Amino acid sequence: MQRLIDAFINSVRAFRKLAVSEKAFQQELMLLVLALPAGWFVSVSWRGYALLIGAVLLLIMVEVLNTGIEAACDAISREFHIDIQLAKDCGSLAVLISVVIAGGVWGIALIERIIGVPI
């Protein structure tokens, strides 16, 4: 049980640090705050709502992992290294892919809402 408590404390510490210092994380938290009520009106079912919010949470999760990769790389060296550049670029690509997924999920949900027929 202590391990779970320690993991929770570590997670809260990371959340606070990112919420204060990382612009992308702050923007995605604001997106989540907006998505919670908007998803209620856009979705046509509870499953749809869960998918819409899950897509935003996936984006936030990937952003957190990307930030962790960047922090680890910066801790190793701030000088240019091709391998560090690749690691950071891959993290950035992962964020982009999650943005495309979230945008696609929300786009489909909006189309379903507008035309009134599930796609």
N, C-alpha and C. Protein backbone atom coordinates (compact mmCIF):
# COMPACT_ATOMS: atom_id res chain seq x y z
N MET A 1 0.82 -1.19 0.00
CA MET A 1 0.00 0.00 0.00
C MET A 1 0.87 1.26 0.00
N GLN A 2 1.96 1.21 0.70
CA GLN A 2 2.86 2.37 0.77
C GLN A 2 3.38 2.74 -0.62
N ARG A 3 3.63 1.73 -1.45
CA ARG A 3 4.11 1.98 -2.80
C ARG A 3 3.09 2.78 -3.61
N LEU A 4 1.82 2.45 -3.45
CA LEU A 4 0.76 3.18 -4.14
C LEU A 4 0.67 4.62 -3.65
N ILE A 5 0.80 4.81 -2.36
CA ILE A 5 0.77 6.17 -1.79
C ILE A 5 1.95 6.98 -2.31
N ASP A 6 3.14 6.39 -2.32
CA ASP A 6 4.32 7.08 -2.83
C ASP A 6 4.17 7.43 -4.32
N ALA A 7 3.62 6.50 -5.09
CA ALA A 7 3.40 6.76 -6.52
C ALA A 7 2.41 7.91 -6.72
N PHE A 8 1.37 7.93 -5.89
CA PHE A 8 0.40 9.01 -5.98
C PHE A 8 1.05 10.35 -5.65
N ILE A 9 1.85 10.39 -4.61
CA ILE A 9 2.54 11.62 -4.22
C ILE A 9 3.47 12.09 -5.34
N ASN A 10 4.20 11.16 -5.95
CA ASN A 10 5.08 11.51 -7.07
C ASN A 10 4.28 12.06 -8.24
N SER A 11 3.12 11.47 -8.50
CA SER A 11 2.27 11.93 -9.60
C SER A 11 1.74 13.33 -9.36
N VAL A 12 1.33 13.60 -8.14
CA VAL A 12 0.83 14.94 -7.79
C VAL A 12 1.95 15.95 -7.92
N ARG A 13 3.15 15.59 -7.51
CA ARG A 13 4.30 16.51 -7.63
C ARG A 13 4.57 16.82 -9.10
N ALA A 14 4.53 15.81 -9.95
CA ALA A 14 4.75 16.03 -11.39
C ALA A 14 3.64 16.90 -11.98
N PHE A 15 2.40 16.62 -11.59
CA PHE A 15 1.27 17.41 -12.09
C PHE A 15 1.44 18.88 -11.74
N ARG A 16 1.78 19.14 -10.49
CA ARG A 16 1.97 20.53 -10.05
C ARG A 16 3.09 21.22 -10.82
N LYS A 17 4.20 20.51 -10.98
CA LYS A 17 5.36 21.07 -11.69
C LYS A 17 4.98 21.41 -13.13
N LEU A 18 4.30 20.49 -13.82
CA LEU A 18 3.92 20.72 -15.21
C LEU A 18 2.86 21.81 -15.32
N ALA A 19 1.91 21.83 -14.40
CA ALA A 19 0.84 22.82 -14.44
C ALA A 19 1.37 24.24 -14.24
N VAL A 20 2.49 24.36 -13.53
CA VAL A 20 3.06 25.68 -13.26
C VAL A 20 4.03 26.11 -14.36
N SER A 21 4.78 25.16 -14.92
CA SER A 21 5.91 25.55 -15.76
C SER A 21 5.82 25.17 -17.23
N GLU A 22 4.94 24.29 -17.62
CA GLU A 22 4.90 23.82 -19.01
C GLU A 22 3.69 24.39 -19.75
N LYS A 23 3.95 25.27 -20.73
CA LYS A 23 2.88 25.92 -21.48
C LYS A 23 2.00 24.91 -22.21
N ALA A 24 2.60 23.93 -22.87
CA ALA A 24 1.79 22.96 -23.62
C ALA A 24 0.86 22.20 -22.68
N PHE A 25 1.36 21.82 -21.52
CA PHE A 25 0.54 21.11 -20.55
C PHE A 25 -0.60 22.00 -20.05
N GLN A 26 -0.30 23.26 -19.80
CA GLN A 26 -1.32 24.21 -19.36
C GLN A 26 -2.41 24.36 -20.42
N GLN A 27 -2.00 24.45 -21.69
CA GLN A 27 -2.97 24.57 -22.78
C GLN A 27 -3.85 23.33 -22.87
N GLU A 28 -3.25 22.18 -22.70
CA GLU A 28 -4.02 20.94 -22.80
C GLU A 28 -4.95 20.76 -21.60
N LEU A 29 -4.54 21.24 -20.44
CA LEU A 29 -5.46 21.23 -19.29
C LEU A 29 -6.66 22.14 -19.55
N MET A 30 -6.41 23.29 -20.16
CA MET A 30 -7.52 24.18 -20.51
C MET A 30 -8.43 23.52 -21.55
N LEU A 31 -7.82 22.81 -22.48
CA LEU A 31 -8.61 22.07 -23.47
C LEU A 31 -9.49 21.03 -22.77
N LEU A 32 -8.96 20.36 -21.78
CA LEU A 32 -9.74 19.38 -21.01
C LEU A 32 -10.89 20.07 -20.28
N VAL A 33 -10.61 21.20 -19.66
CA VAL A 33 -11.65 21.94 -18.95
C VAL A 33 -12.78 22.33 -19.91
N LEU A 34 -12.43 22.73 -21.12
CA LEU A 34 -13.44 23.09 -22.12
C LEU A 34 -14.13 21.85 -22.68
N ALA A 35 -13.37 20.77 -22.82
CA ALA A 35 -13.92 19.55 -23.42
C ALA A 35 -14.94 18.86 -22.51
N LEU A 36 -14.78 18.98 -21.20
CA LEU A 36 -15.71 18.30 -20.29
C LEU A 36 -17.15 18.72 -20.52
N PRO A 37 -17.47 20.02 -20.55
CA PRO A 37 -18.86 20.38 -20.85
C PRO A 37 -19.19 20.27 -22.35
N ALA A 38 -18.25 20.63 -23.21
CA ALA A 38 -18.52 20.59 -24.66
C ALA A 38 -18.81 19.16 -25.12
N GLY A 39 -18.07 18.22 -24.58
CA GLY A 39 -18.27 16.82 -24.95
C GLY A 39 -19.66 16.33 -24.61
N TRP A 40 -20.23 16.87 -23.56
CA TRP A 40 -21.58 16.49 -23.15
C TRP A 40 -22.59 16.86 -24.23
N PHE A 41 -22.38 18.03 -24.85
CA PHE A 41 -23.30 18.49 -25.89
C PHE A 41 -23.00 17.88 -27.26
N VAL A 42 -21.75 17.55 -27.50
CA VAL A 42 -21.36 17.01 -28.80
C VAL A 42 -21.68 15.53 -28.91
N SER A 43 -21.46 14.78 -27.85
CA SER A 43 -21.62 13.33 -27.92
C SER A 43 -23.09 12.94 -28.01
N VAL A 44 -23.30 11.76 -28.59
CA VAL A 44 -24.66 11.25 -28.71
C VAL A 44 -24.92 10.10 -27.73
N SER A 45 -23.90 9.74 -26.96
CA SER A 45 -24.04 8.65 -26.00
C SER A 45 -22.98 8.79 -24.91
N TRP A 46 -23.16 8.00 -23.85
CA TRP A 46 -22.14 7.97 -22.79
C TRP A 46 -20.81 7.45 -23.33
N ARG A 47 -20.89 6.45 -24.19
CA ARG A 47 -19.65 5.91 -24.79
C ARG A 47 -18.95 6.98 -25.62
N GLY A 48 -19.75 7.74 -26.36
CA GLY A 48 -19.18 8.82 -27.16
C GLY A 48 -18.52 9.87 -26.30
N TYR A 49 -19.17 10.21 -25.20
CA TYR A 49 -18.60 11.18 -24.27
C TYR A 49 -17.27 10.67 -23.70
N ALA A 50 -17.27 9.42 -23.30
CA ALA A 50 -16.04 8.83 -22.77
C ALA A 50 -14.92 8.84 -23.81
N LEU A 51 -15.28 8.58 -25.06
CA LEU A 51 -14.29 8.59 -26.14
C LEU A 51 -13.75 10.01 -26.36
N LEU A 52 -14.62 11.00 -26.35
CA LEU A 52 -14.17 12.38 -26.53
C LEU A 52 -13.22 12.81 -25.41
N ILE A 53 -13.60 12.55 -24.18
CA ILE A 53 -12.75 12.93 -23.06
C ILE A 53 -11.48 12.07 -23.04
N GLY A 54 -11.62 10.80 -23.36
CA GLY A 54 -10.45 9.92 -23.42
C GLY A 54 -9.43 10.38 -24.45
N ALA A 55 -9.91 10.91 -25.58
CA ALA A 55 -8.99 11.41 -26.61
C ALA A 55 -8.18 12.59 -26.08
N VAL A 56 -8.83 13.46 -25.32
CA VAL A 56 -8.11 14.61 -24.74
C VAL A 56 -7.14 14.13 -23.66
N LEU A 57 -7.57 13.17 -22.85
CA LEU A 57 -6.67 12.62 -21.82
C LEU A 57 -5.48 11.90 -22.45
N LEU A 58 -5.71 11.23 -23.57
CA LEU A 58 -4.59 10.59 -24.30
C LEU A 58 -3.59 11.65 -24.73
N LEU A 59 -4.07 12.76 -25.26
CA LEU A 59 -3.20 13.85 -25.66
C LEU A 59 -2.38 14.35 -24.47
N ILE A 60 -3.04 14.54 -23.34
CA ILE A 60 -2.33 15.01 -22.15
C ILE A 60 -1.29 13.98 -21.70
N MET A 61 -1.65 12.71 -21.73
CA MET A 61 -0.72 11.66 -21.32
C MET A 61 0.53 11.65 -22.21
N VAL A 62 0.33 11.78 -23.52
CA VAL A 62 1.47 11.78 -24.43
C VAL A 62 2.33 13.03 -24.20
N GLU A 63 1.69 14.15 -23.93
CA GLU A 63 2.45 15.37 -23.62
C GLU A 63 3.30 15.19 -22.36
N VAL A 64 2.74 14.54 -21.35
CA VAL A 64 3.49 14.28 -20.11
C VAL A 64 4.70 13.40 -20.42
N LEU A 65 4.51 12.35 -21.20
CA LEU A 65 5.63 11.47 -21.56
C LEU A 65 6.67 12.23 -22.38
N ASN A 66 6.23 13.07 -23.30
CA ASN A 66 7.16 13.87 -24.09
C ASN A 66 7.97 14.80 -23.20
N THR A 67 7.32 15.42 -22.24
CA THR A 67 8.03 16.30 -21.31
C THR A 67 9.04 15.51 -20.49
N GLY A 68 8.69 14.29 -20.10
CA GLY A 68 9.63 13.44 -19.37
C GLY A 68 10.85 13.08 -20.22
N ILE A 69 10.61 12.79 -21.49
CA ILE A 69 11.73 12.49 -22.41
C ILE A 69 12.64 13.70 -22.53
N GLU A 70 12.04 14.87 -22.72
CA GLU A 70 12.84 16.09 -22.86
C GLU A 70 13.64 16.37 -21.58
N ALA A 71 13.02 16.17 -20.43
CA ALA A 71 13.72 16.42 -19.16
C ALA A 71 14.88 15.45 -18.99
N ALA A 72 14.66 14.18 -19.33
CA ALA A 72 15.74 13.20 -19.21
C ALA A 72 16.88 13.53 -20.16
N CYS A 73 16.55 13.92 -21.38
CA CYS A 73 17.59 14.28 -22.35
C CYS A 73 18.36 15.51 -21.89
N ASP A 74 17.66 16.50 -21.38
CA ASP A 74 18.34 17.71 -20.90
C ASP A 74 19.20 17.43 -19.68
N ALA A 75 18.81 16.45 -18.86
CA ALA A 75 19.62 16.09 -17.69
C ALA A 75 20.92 15.42 -18.12
N ILE A 76 20.88 14.73 -19.24
CA ILE A 76 22.09 14.06 -19.74
C ILE A 76 23.05 15.08 -20.34
N SER A 77 22.51 15.93 -21.22
CA SER A 77 23.35 16.94 -21.86
C SER A 77 22.48 17.97 -22.55
N ARG A 78 22.91 19.22 -22.45
CA ARG A 78 22.22 20.29 -23.17
C ARG A 78 22.90 20.61 -24.49
N GLU A 79 24.02 19.94 -24.73
CA GLU A 79 24.72 20.12 -26.00
C GLU A 79 24.01 19.30 -27.07
N PHE A 80 24.24 19.68 -28.33
CA PHE A 80 23.59 18.96 -29.43
C PHE A 80 24.18 17.57 -29.58
N HIS A 81 23.29 16.58 -29.60
CA HIS A 81 23.65 15.20 -29.92
C HIS A 81 22.55 14.68 -30.84
N ILE A 82 22.93 14.02 -31.90
CA ILE A 82 21.95 13.54 -32.88
C ILE A 82 20.96 12.56 -32.24
N ASP A 83 21.42 11.73 -31.31
CA ASP A 83 20.53 10.77 -30.66
C ASP A 83 19.53 11.47 -29.74
N ILE A 84 19.98 12.51 -29.05
CA ILE A 84 19.07 13.27 -28.19
C ILE A 84 18.06 14.01 -29.05
N GLN A 85 18.51 14.55 -30.18
CA GLN A 85 17.58 15.22 -31.09
C GLN A 85 16.51 14.24 -31.57
N LEU A 86 16.92 13.03 -31.90
CA LEU A 86 15.96 12.03 -32.36
C LEU A 86 14.95 11.68 -31.27
N ALA A 87 15.43 11.53 -30.04
CA ALA A 87 14.53 11.22 -28.93
C ALA A 87 13.50 12.34 -28.74
N LYS A 88 13.96 13.57 -28.78
CA LYS A 88 13.04 14.70 -28.62
C LYS A 88 12.09 14.82 -29.80
N ASP A 89 12.60 14.60 -31.00
CA ASP A 89 11.74 14.66 -32.18
C ASP A 89 10.69 13.56 -32.17
N CYS A 90 11.06 12.38 -31.70
CA CYS A 90 10.09 11.28 -31.60
C CYS A 90 9.01 11.61 -30.57
N GLY A 91 9.39 12.21 -29.46
CA GLY A 91 8.39 12.64 -28.48
C GLY A 91 7.45 13.67 -29.07
N SER A 92 7.99 14.60 -29.84
CA SER A 92 7.17 15.61 -30.49
C SER A 92 6.23 14.97 -31.51
N LEU A 93 6.71 14.00 -32.25
CA LEU A 93 5.87 13.28 -33.21
C LEU A 93 4.74 12.55 -32.50
N ALA A 94 5.02 11.96 -31.36
CA ALA A 94 3.98 11.27 -30.59
C ALA A 94 2.88 12.24 -30.18
N VAL A 95 3.27 13.46 -29.78
CA VAL A 95 2.27 14.47 -29.43
C VAL A 95 1.45 14.83 -30.67
N LEU A 96 2.10 15.01 -31.80
CA LEU A 96 1.39 15.34 -33.03
C LEU A 96 0.38 14.25 -33.40
N ILE A 97 0.79 13.00 -33.29
CA ILE A 97 -0.11 11.89 -33.60
C ILE A 97 -1.31 11.91 -32.65
N SER A 98 -1.08 12.18 -31.38
CA SER A 98 -2.19 12.22 -30.44
C SER A 98 -3.11 13.41 -30.71
N VAL A 99 -2.57 14.51 -31.20
CA VAL A 99 -3.40 15.66 -31.60
C VAL A 99 -4.29 15.26 -32.78
N VAL A 100 -3.72 14.55 -33.75
CA VAL A 100 -4.49 14.10 -34.90
C VAL A 100 -5.60 13.14 -34.46
N ILE A 101 -5.29 12.23 -33.56
CA ILE A 101 -6.29 11.29 -33.05
C ILE A 101 -7.42 12.05 -32.35
N ALA A 102 -7.05 12.96 -31.44
CA ALA A 102 -8.07 13.72 -30.72
C ALA A 102 -8.90 14.56 -31.68
N GLY A 103 -8.26 15.22 -32.63
CA GLY A 103 -8.98 16.02 -33.61
C GLY A 103 -9.92 15.17 -34.45
N GLY A 104 -9.47 13.97 -34.83
CA GLY A 104 -10.32 13.08 -35.60
C GLY A 104 -11.52 12.60 -34.82
N VAL A 105 -11.32 12.24 -33.58
CA VAL A 105 -12.42 11.77 -32.73
C VAL A 105 -13.44 12.89 -32.54
N TRP A 106 -12.96 14.08 -32.24
CA TRP A 106 -13.88 15.22 -32.05
C TRP A 106 -14.55 15.60 -33.36
N GLY A 107 -13.81 15.54 -34.46
CA GLY A 107 -14.39 15.85 -35.77
C GLY A 107 -15.52 14.90 -36.13
N ILE A 108 -15.29 13.62 -35.94
CA ILE A 108 -16.33 12.62 -36.23
C ILE A 108 -17.54 12.84 -35.33
N ALA A 109 -17.30 13.11 -34.06
CA ALA A 109 -18.41 13.35 -33.13
C ALA A 109 -19.22 14.58 -33.53
N LEU A 110 -18.54 15.62 -33.97
CA LEU A 110 -19.24 16.82 -34.42
C LEU A 110 -20.08 16.54 -35.67
N ILE A 111 -19.51 15.80 -36.59
CA ILE A 111 -20.26 15.44 -37.81
C ILE A 111 -21.49 14.62 -37.45
N GLU A 112 -21.31 13.65 -36.54
CA GLU A 112 -22.46 12.84 -36.11
C GLU A 112 -23.53 13.71 -35.48
N ARG A 113 -23.13 14.68 -34.67
CA ARG A 113 -24.08 15.56 -34.01
C ARG A 113 -24.82 16.42 -35.02
N ILE A 114 -24.08 16.95 -35.99
CA ILE A 114 -24.66 17.85 -36.99
C ILE A 114 -25.64 17.12 -37.91
N ILE A 115 -25.21 15.96 -38.43
CA ILE A 115 -26.09 15.26 -39.39
C ILE A 115 -27.09 14.34 -38.68
N GLY A 116 -26.85 14.07 -37.41
CA GLY A 116 -27.79 13.28 -36.63
C GLY A 116 -27.75 11.79 -36.87
N VAL A 117 -26.72 11.32 -37.58
CA VAL A 117 -26.59 9.90 -37.87
C VAL A 117 -25.19 9.44 -37.48
N PRO A 118 -25.08 8.35 -36.71
CA PRO A 118 -23.75 7.83 -36.38
C PRO A 118 -22.98 7.42 -37.64
N ILE A 119 -21.73 7.77 -37.66
CA ILE A 119 -20.88 7.42 -38.80
C ILE A 119 -20.28 6.05 -38.58
